[in-house]
């Protein structure tokens, strides 16, 4: 599986998670993947907006994309 975010392409995704901290106006998706020749632990944070909708979209993507 490949995930592309702007000009960055990640391969071999695993350990995908979603975090919504209490008392913060943000939502973070966290995953491990291969980036070029490196293995990376990635956090992508979205601040402000409709967090329930974003959380549902990320959870749906996580559940549909994670291949064991």
PDB file of N, CA and C in Angstrom:
ATOM      1  N   UNK A   1       0.830  -1.174   0.000  1.00  0.00           N
ATOM      2  CA  UNK A   1       0.000   0.000   0.000  1.00  0.00           C
ATOM      3  C   UNK A   1       0.884   1.249   0.000  1.00  0.00           C
ATOM      4  N   UNK A   2       0.458   2.257  -0.714  1.00  0.00           N
ATOM      5  CA  UNK A   2       1.192   3.508  -0.825  1.00  0.00           C
ATOM      6  C   UNK A   2       0.285   4.660  -0.413  1.00  0.00           C
ATOM      7  N   UNK A   3       0.857   5.590   0.345  1.00  0.00           N
ATOM      8  CA  UNK A   3       0.148   6.800   0.747  1.00  0.00           C
ATOM      9  C   UNK A   3       0.960   7.984   0.256  1.00  0.00           C
ATOM     10  N   UNK A   4       0.307   8.905  -0.493  1.00  0.00           N
ATOM     11  CA  UNK A   4       1.007  10.095  -0.964  1.00  0.00           C
ATOM     12  C   UNK A   4       0.381  11.320  -0.317  1.00  0.00           C
ATOM     13  N   UNK A   5       1.230  12.138   0.316  1.00  0.00           N
ATOM     14  CA  UNK A   5       0.820  13.399   0.925  1.00  0.00           C
ATOM     15  C   UNK A   5       1.695  14.477   0.303  1.00  0.00           C
ATOM     16  N   UNK A   6       1.072  15.321  -0.499  1.00  0.00           N
ATOM     17  CA  UNK A   6       1.771  16.330  -1.289  1.00  0.00           C
ATOM     18  C   UNK A   6       2.863  15.638  -2.106  1.00  0.00           C
ATOM     19  N   UNK A   7       4.149  15.973  -1.915  1.00  0.00           N
ATOM     20  CA  UNK A   7       5.224  15.363  -2.700  1.00  0.00           C
ATOM     21  C   UNK A   7       5.894  14.192  -1.990  1.00  0.00           C
ATOM     22  N   UNK A   8       5.326  13.760  -0.865  1.00  0.00           N
ATOM     23  CA  UNK A   8       5.932  12.686  -0.084  1.00  0.00           C
ATOM     24  C   UNK A   8       5.155  11.393  -0.292  1.00  0.00           C
ATOM     25  N   UNK A   9       5.880  10.311  -0.580  1.00  0.00           N
ATOM     26  CA  UNK A   9       5.255   9.023  -0.818  1.00  0.00           C
ATOM     27  C   UNK A   9       5.748   8.011   0.210  1.00  0.00           C
ATOM     28  N   UNK A  10       4.802   7.394   0.922  1.00  0.00           N
ATOM     29  CA  UNK A  10       5.111   6.419   1.962  1.00  0.00           C
ATOM     30  C   UNK A  10       4.652   5.036   1.510  1.00  0.00           C
ATOM     31  N   UNK A  11       5.480   4.018   1.772  1.00  0.00           N
ATOM     32  CA  UNK A  11       5.181   2.636   1.402  1.00  0.00           C
ATOM     33  C   UNK A  11       5.188   1.754   2.652  1.00  0.00           C
ATOM     34  N   UNK A  12       4.617   0.569   2.538  1.00  0.00           N
ATOM     35  CA  UNK A  12       4.644  -0.436   3.609  1.00  0.00           C
ATOM     36  C   UNK A  12       4.114   0.118   4.928  1.00  0.00           C
ATOM     37  N   UNK A  13       2.934   0.717   4.888  1.00  0.00           N
ATOM     38  CA  UNK A  13       2.341   1.286   6.096  1.00  0.00           C
ATOM     39  C   UNK A  13       1.983   0.201   7.102  1.00  0.00           C
ATOM     40  N   UNK A  14       2.209   0.522   8.386  1.00  0.00           N
ATOM     41  CA  UNK A  14       1.770  -0.352   9.466  1.00  0.00           C
ATOM     42  C   UNK A  14       1.600   0.458  10.735  1.00  0.00           C
ATOM     43  N   UNK A  15       0.976  -0.140  11.721  1.00  0.00           N
ATOM     44  CA  UNK A  15       0.716   0.500  13.017  1.00  0.00           C
ATOM     45  C   UNK A  15       0.059   1.860  12.840  1.00  0.00           C
ATOM     46  N   UNK A  16      -1.065   1.867  12.147  1.00  0.00           N
ATOM     47  CA  UNK A  16      -1.786   3.113  11.889  1.00  0.00           C
ATOM     48  C   UNK A  16      -2.713   3.400  13.071  1.00  0.00           C
ATOM     49  N   UNK A  17      -2.674   4.633  13.569  1.00  0.00           N
ATOM     50  CA  UNK A  17      -3.524   5.029  14.675  1.00  0.00           C
ATOM     51  C   UNK A  17      -3.992   6.455  14.536  1.00  0.00           C
ATOM     52  N   UNK A  18      -5.010   6.790  15.331  1.00  0.00           N
ATOM     53  CA  UNK A  18      -5.570   8.135  15.336  1.00  0.00           C
ATOM     54  C   UNK A  18      -5.634   8.604  16.786  1.00  0.00           C
ATOM     55  N   UNK A  19      -5.245   9.853  17.032  1.00  0.00           N
ATOM     56  CA  UNK A  19      -5.239  10.416  18.375  1.00  0.00           C
ATOM     57  C   UNK A  19      -5.963  11.755  18.397  1.00  0.00           C
ATOM     58  N   UNK A  20      -6.873  11.905  19.366  1.00  0.00           N
ATOM     59  CA  UNK A  20      -7.526  13.189  19.597  1.00  0.00           C
ATOM     60  C   UNK A  20      -7.324  13.518  21.071  1.00  0.00           C
ATOM     61  N   UNK A  21      -6.333  14.359  21.391  1.00  0.00           N
ATOM     62  CA  UNK A  21      -6.042  14.678  22.787  1.00  0.00           C
ATOM     63  C   UNK A  21      -7.163  15.500  23.429  1.00  0.00           C
ATOM     64  N   UNK A  22      -7.415  15.246  24.717  1.00  0.00           N
ATOM     65  CA  UNK A  22      -8.378  16.058  25.462  1.00  0.00           C
ATOM     66  C   UNK A  22      -7.872  17.487  25.563  1.00  0.00           C
ATOM     67  N   UNK A  23      -8.785  18.424  25.526  1.00  0.00           N
ATOM     68  CA  UNK A  23      -8.500  19.841  25.753  1.00  0.00           C
ATOM     69  C   UNK A  23      -7.567  20.455  24.702  1.00  0.00           C
ATOM     70  N   UNK A  24      -7.455  19.819  23.543  1.00  0.00           N
ATOM     71  CA  UNK A  24      -6.673  20.399  22.453  1.00  0.00           C
ATOM     72  C   UNK A  24      -7.549  20.435  21.216  1.00  0.00           C
ATOM     73  N   UNK A  25      -7.345  21.420  20.408  1.00  0.00           N
ATOM     74  CA  UNK A  25      -8.136  21.599  19.199  1.00  0.00           C
ATOM     75  C   UNK A  25      -7.380  21.006  18.012  1.00  0.00           C
ATOM     76  N   UNK A  26      -7.129  19.663  18.080  1.00  0.00           N
ATOM     77  CA  UNK A  26      -6.371  19.013  17.019  1.00  0.00           C
ATOM     78  C   UNK A  26      -6.665  17.518  16.966  1.00  0.00           C
ATOM     79  N   UNK A  27      -6.283  16.902  15.863  1.00  0.00           N
ATOM     80  CA  UNK A  27      -6.427  15.466  15.637  1.00  0.00           C
ATOM     81  C   UNK A  27      -5.176  15.005  14.896  1.00  0.00           C
ATOM     82  N   UNK A  28      -4.616  13.853  15.290  1.00  0.00           N
ATOM     83  CA  UNK A  28      -3.365  13.384  14.704  1.00  0.00           C
ATOM     84  C   UNK A  28      -3.511  11.947  14.200  1.00  0.00           C
ATOM     85  N   UNK A  29      -3.023  11.699  12.995  1.00  0.00           N
ATOM     86  CA  UNK A  29      -2.904  10.330  12.488  1.00  0.00           C
ATOM     87  C   UNK A  29      -1.419   9.963  12.608  1.00  0.00           C
ATOM     88  N   UNK A  30      -1.170   8.746  13.105  1.00  0.00           N
ATOM     89  CA  UNK A  30       0.189   8.280  13.384  1.00  0.00           C
ATOM     90  C   UNK A  30       0.385   6.938  12.668  1.00  0.00           C
ATOM     91  N   UNK A  31       1.540   6.766  12.015  1.00  0.00           N
ATOM     92  CA  UNK A  31       1.794   5.488  11.354  1.00  0.00           C
ATOM     93  C   UNK A  31       3.294   5.281  11.165  1.00  0.00           C
ATOM     94  N   UNK A  32       3.647   4.048  10.872  1.00  0.00           N
ATOM     95  CA  UNK A  32       5.023   3.706  10.497  1.00  0.00           C
ATOM     96  C   UNK A  32       4.999   3.330   9.027  1.00  0.00           C
ATOM     97  N   UNK A  33       6.039   3.750   8.303  1.00  0.00           N
ATOM     98  CA  UNK A  33       6.083   3.486   6.864  1.00  0.00           C
ATOM     99  C   UNK A  33       7.503   3.638   6.353  1.00  0.00           C
ATOM    100  N   UNK A  34       7.688   3.186   5.116  1.00  0.00           N
ATOM    101  CA  UNK A  34       8.977   3.374   4.450  1.00  0.00           C
ATOM    102  C   UNK A  34       8.883   4.632   3.589  1.00  0.00           C
ATOM    103  N   UNK A  35       9.877   5.503   3.747  1.00  0.00           N
ATOM    104  CA  UNK A  35       9.967   6.744   2.983  1.00  0.00           C
ATOM    105  C   UNK A  35      11.313   6.742   2.285  1.00  0.00           C
ATOM    106  N   UNK A  36      11.297   6.585   0.953  1.00  0.00           N
ATOM    107  CA  UNK A  36      12.527   6.449   0.183  1.00  0.00           C
ATOM    108  C   UNK A  36      13.279   5.226   0.709  1.00  0.00           C
ATOM    109  N   UNK A  37      14.501   5.378   1.208  1.00  0.00           N
ATOM    110  CA  UNK A  37      15.263   4.237   1.746  1.00  0.00           C
ATOM    111  C   UNK A  37      15.184   4.170   3.262  1.00  0.00           C
ATOM    112  N   UNK A  38      14.372   5.021   3.863  1.00  0.00           N
ATOM    113  CA  UNK A  38      14.307   5.111   5.320  1.00  0.00           C
ATOM    114  C   UNK A  38      12.986   4.580   5.846  1.00  0.00           C
ATOM    115  N   UNK A  39      12.995   4.101   7.091  1.00  0.00           N
ATOM    116  CA  UNK A  39      11.773   3.735   7.779  1.00  0.00           C
ATOM    117  C   UNK A  39      11.432   4.883   8.723  1.00  0.00           C
ATOM    118  N   UNK A  40      10.173   5.313   8.728  1.00  0.00           N
ATOM    119  CA  UNK A  40       9.788   6.513   9.465  1.00  0.00           C
ATOM    120  C   UNK A  40       8.602   6.250  10.377  1.00  0.00           C
ATOM    121  N   UNK A  41       8.569   6.977  11.476  1.00  0.00           N
ATOM    122  CA  UNK A  41       7.430   7.037  12.382  1.00  0.00           C
ATOM    123  C   UNK A  41       6.841   8.425  12.155  1.00  0.00           C
ATOM    124  N   UNK A  42       5.612   8.493  11.615  1.00  0.00           N
ATOM    125  CA  UNK A  42       5.060   9.750  11.113  1.00  0.00           C
ATOM    126  C   UNK A  42       3.854  10.191  11.933  1.00  0.00           C
ATOM    127  N   UNK A  43       3.817  11.469  12.284  1.00  0.00           N
ATOM    128  CA  UNK A  43       2.664  12.093  12.926  1.00  0.00           C
ATOM    129  C   UNK A  43       2.196  13.217  12.003  1.00  0.00           C
ATOM    130  N   UNK A  44       0.920  13.212  11.645  1.00  0.00           N
ATOM    131  CA  UNK A  44       0.352  14.292  10.843  1.00  0.00           C
ATOM    132  C   UNK A  44      -0.799  14.871  11.651  1.00  0.00           C
ATOM    133  N   UNK A  45      -0.681  16.146  12.002  1.00  0.00           N
ATOM    134  CA  UNK A  45      -1.659  16.790  12.869  1.00  0.00           C
ATOM    135  C   UNK A  45      -2.472  17.825  12.111  1.00  0.00           C
ATOM    136  N   UNK A  46      -3.764  17.768  12.324  1.00  0.00           N
ATOM    137  CA  UNK A  46      -4.703  18.754  11.752  1.00  0.00           C
ATOM    138  C   UNK A  46      -5.258  19.553  12.916  1.00  0.00           C
ATOM    139  N   UNK A  47      -5.101  20.861  12.864  1.00  0.00           N
ATOM    140  CA  UNK A  47      -5.600  21.729  13.926  1.00  0.00           C
ATOM    141  C   UNK A  47      -6.839  22.471  13.451  1.00  0.00           C
ATOM    142  N   UNK A  48      -7.787  22.622  14.346  1.00  0.00           N
ATOM    143  CA  UNK A  48      -9.082  23.286  14.151  1.00  0.00           C
ATOM    144  C   UNK A  48      -9.902  22.586  13.069  1.00  0.00           C
ATOM    145  N   UNK A  49     -11.165  22.795  13.109  1.00  0.00           N
ATOM    146  CA  UNK A  49     -12.055  22.180  12.137  1.00  0.00           C
ATOM    147  C   UNK A  49     -13.039  21.233  12.804  1.00  0.00           C
ATOM    148  N   UNK A  50     -13.724  20.437  12.010  1.00  0.00           N
ATOM    149  CA  UNK A  50     -14.719  19.502  12.504  1.00  0.00           C
ATOM    150  C   UNK A  50     -14.021  18.183  12.848  1.00  0.00           C
ATOM    151  N   UNK A  51     -13.639  18.017  14.116  1.00  0.00           N
ATOM    152  CA  UNK A  51     -12.833  16.870  14.511  1.00  0.00           C
ATOM    153  C   UNK A  51     -13.591  15.557  14.470  1.00  0.00           C
ATOM    154  N   UNK A  52     -14.886  15.567  14.755  1.00  0.00           N
ATOM    155  CA  UNK A  52     -15.653  14.326  14.697  1.00  0.00           C
ATOM    156  C   UNK A  52     -15.682  13.801  13.267  1.00  0.00           C
ATOM    157  N   UNK A  53     -15.911  14.681  12.305  1.00  0.00           N
ATOM    158  CA  UNK A  53     -15.911  14.269  10.894  1.00  0.00           C
ATOM    159  C   UNK A  53     -14.520  13.794  10.470  1.00  0.00           C
ATOM    160  N   UNK A  54     -13.477  14.542  10.860  1.00  0.00           N
ATOM    161  CA  UNK A  54     -12.103  14.151  10.521  1.00  0.00           C
ATOM    162  C   UNK A  54     -11.752  12.820  11.162  1.00  0.00           C
ATOM    163  N   UNK A  55     -12.103  12.640  12.436  1.00  0.00           N
ATOM    164  CA  UNK A  55     -11.841  11.373  13.133  1.00  0.00           C
ATOM    165  C   UNK A  55     -12.515  10.216  12.407  1.00  0.00           C
ATOM    166  N   UNK A  56     -13.787  10.383  12.036  1.00  0.00           N
ATOM    167  CA  UNK A  56     -14.509   9.319  11.327  1.00  0.00           C
ATOM    168  C   UNK A  56     -13.867   9.002   9.982  1.00  0.00           C
ATOM    169  N   UNK A  57     -13.403  10.026   9.266  1.00  0.00           N
ATOM    170  CA  UNK A  57     -12.727   9.792   7.982  1.00  0.00           C
ATOM    171  C   UNK A  57     -11.417   9.037   8.185  1.00  0.00           C
ATOM    172  N   UNK A  58     -10.624   9.441   9.188  1.00  0.00           N
ATOM    173  CA  UNK A  58      -9.347   8.772   9.447  1.00  0.00           C
ATOM    174  C   UNK A  58      -9.555   7.335   9.902  1.00  0.00           C
ATOM    175  N   UNK A  59     -10.541   7.100  10.758  1.00  0.00           N
ATOM    176  CA  UNK A  59     -10.812   5.738  11.223  1.00  0.00           C
ATOM    177  C   UNK A  59     -11.287   4.860  10.066  1.00  0.00           C
ATOM    178  N   UNK A  60     -12.114   5.407   9.195  1.00  0.00           N
ATOM    179  CA  UNK A  60     -12.572   4.668   8.023  1.00  0.00           C
ATOM    180  C   UNK A  60     -11.394   4.327   7.118  1.00  0.00           C
ATOM    181  N   UNK A  61     -10.515   5.302   6.862  1.00  0.00           N
ATOM    182  CA  UNK A  61      -9.327   5.066   6.043  1.00  0.00           C
ATOM    183  C   UNK A  61      -8.440   4.016   6.692  1.00  0.00           C
ATOM    184  N   UNK A  62      -8.217   4.123   8.009  1.00  0.00           N
ATOM    185  CA  UNK A  62      -7.384   3.177   8.738  1.00  0.00           C
ATOM    186  C   UNK A  62      -7.956   1.759   8.615  1.00  0.00           C
ATOM    187  N   UNK A  63      -9.252   1.610   8.873  1.00  0.00           N
ATOM    188  CA  UNK A  63      -9.877   0.290   8.854  1.00  0.00           C
ATOM    189  C   UNK A  63      -9.904  -0.319   7.463  1.00  0.00           C
ATOM    190  N   UNK A  64     -10.069   0.500   6.435  1.00  0.00           N
ATOM    191  CA  UNK A  64     -10.127  -0.002   5.069  1.00  0.00           C
ATOM    192  C   UNK A  64      -8.749  -0.196   4.441  1.00  0.00           C
ATOM    193  N   UNK A  65      -7.725   0.471   4.981  1.00  0.00           N
ATOM    194  CA  UNK A  65      -6.410   0.459   4.346  1.00  0.00           C
ATOM    195  C   UNK A  65      -5.407  -0.469   5.001  1.00  0.00           C
ATOM    196  N   UNK A  66      -5.617  -0.810   6.254  1.00  0.00           N
ATOM    197  CA  UNK A  66      -4.639  -1.608   6.981  1.00  0.00           C
ATOM    198  C   UNK A  66      -4.704  -3.055   6.516  1.00  0.00           C
ATOM    199  N   UNK A  67      -3.609  -3.521   5.967  1.00  0.00           N
ATOM    200  CA  UNK A  67      -3.522  -4.902   5.491  1.00  0.00           C
ATOM    201  C   UNK A  67      -2.517  -5.630   6.370  1.00  0.00           C
ATOM    202  N   UNK A  68      -2.960  -6.692   6.995  1.00  0.00           N
ATOM    203  CA  UNK A  68      -2.079  -7.471   7.873  1.00  0.00           C
ATOM    204  C   UNK A  68      -1.116  -8.297   7.046  1.00  0.00           C
TER     205      UNK A  68
END
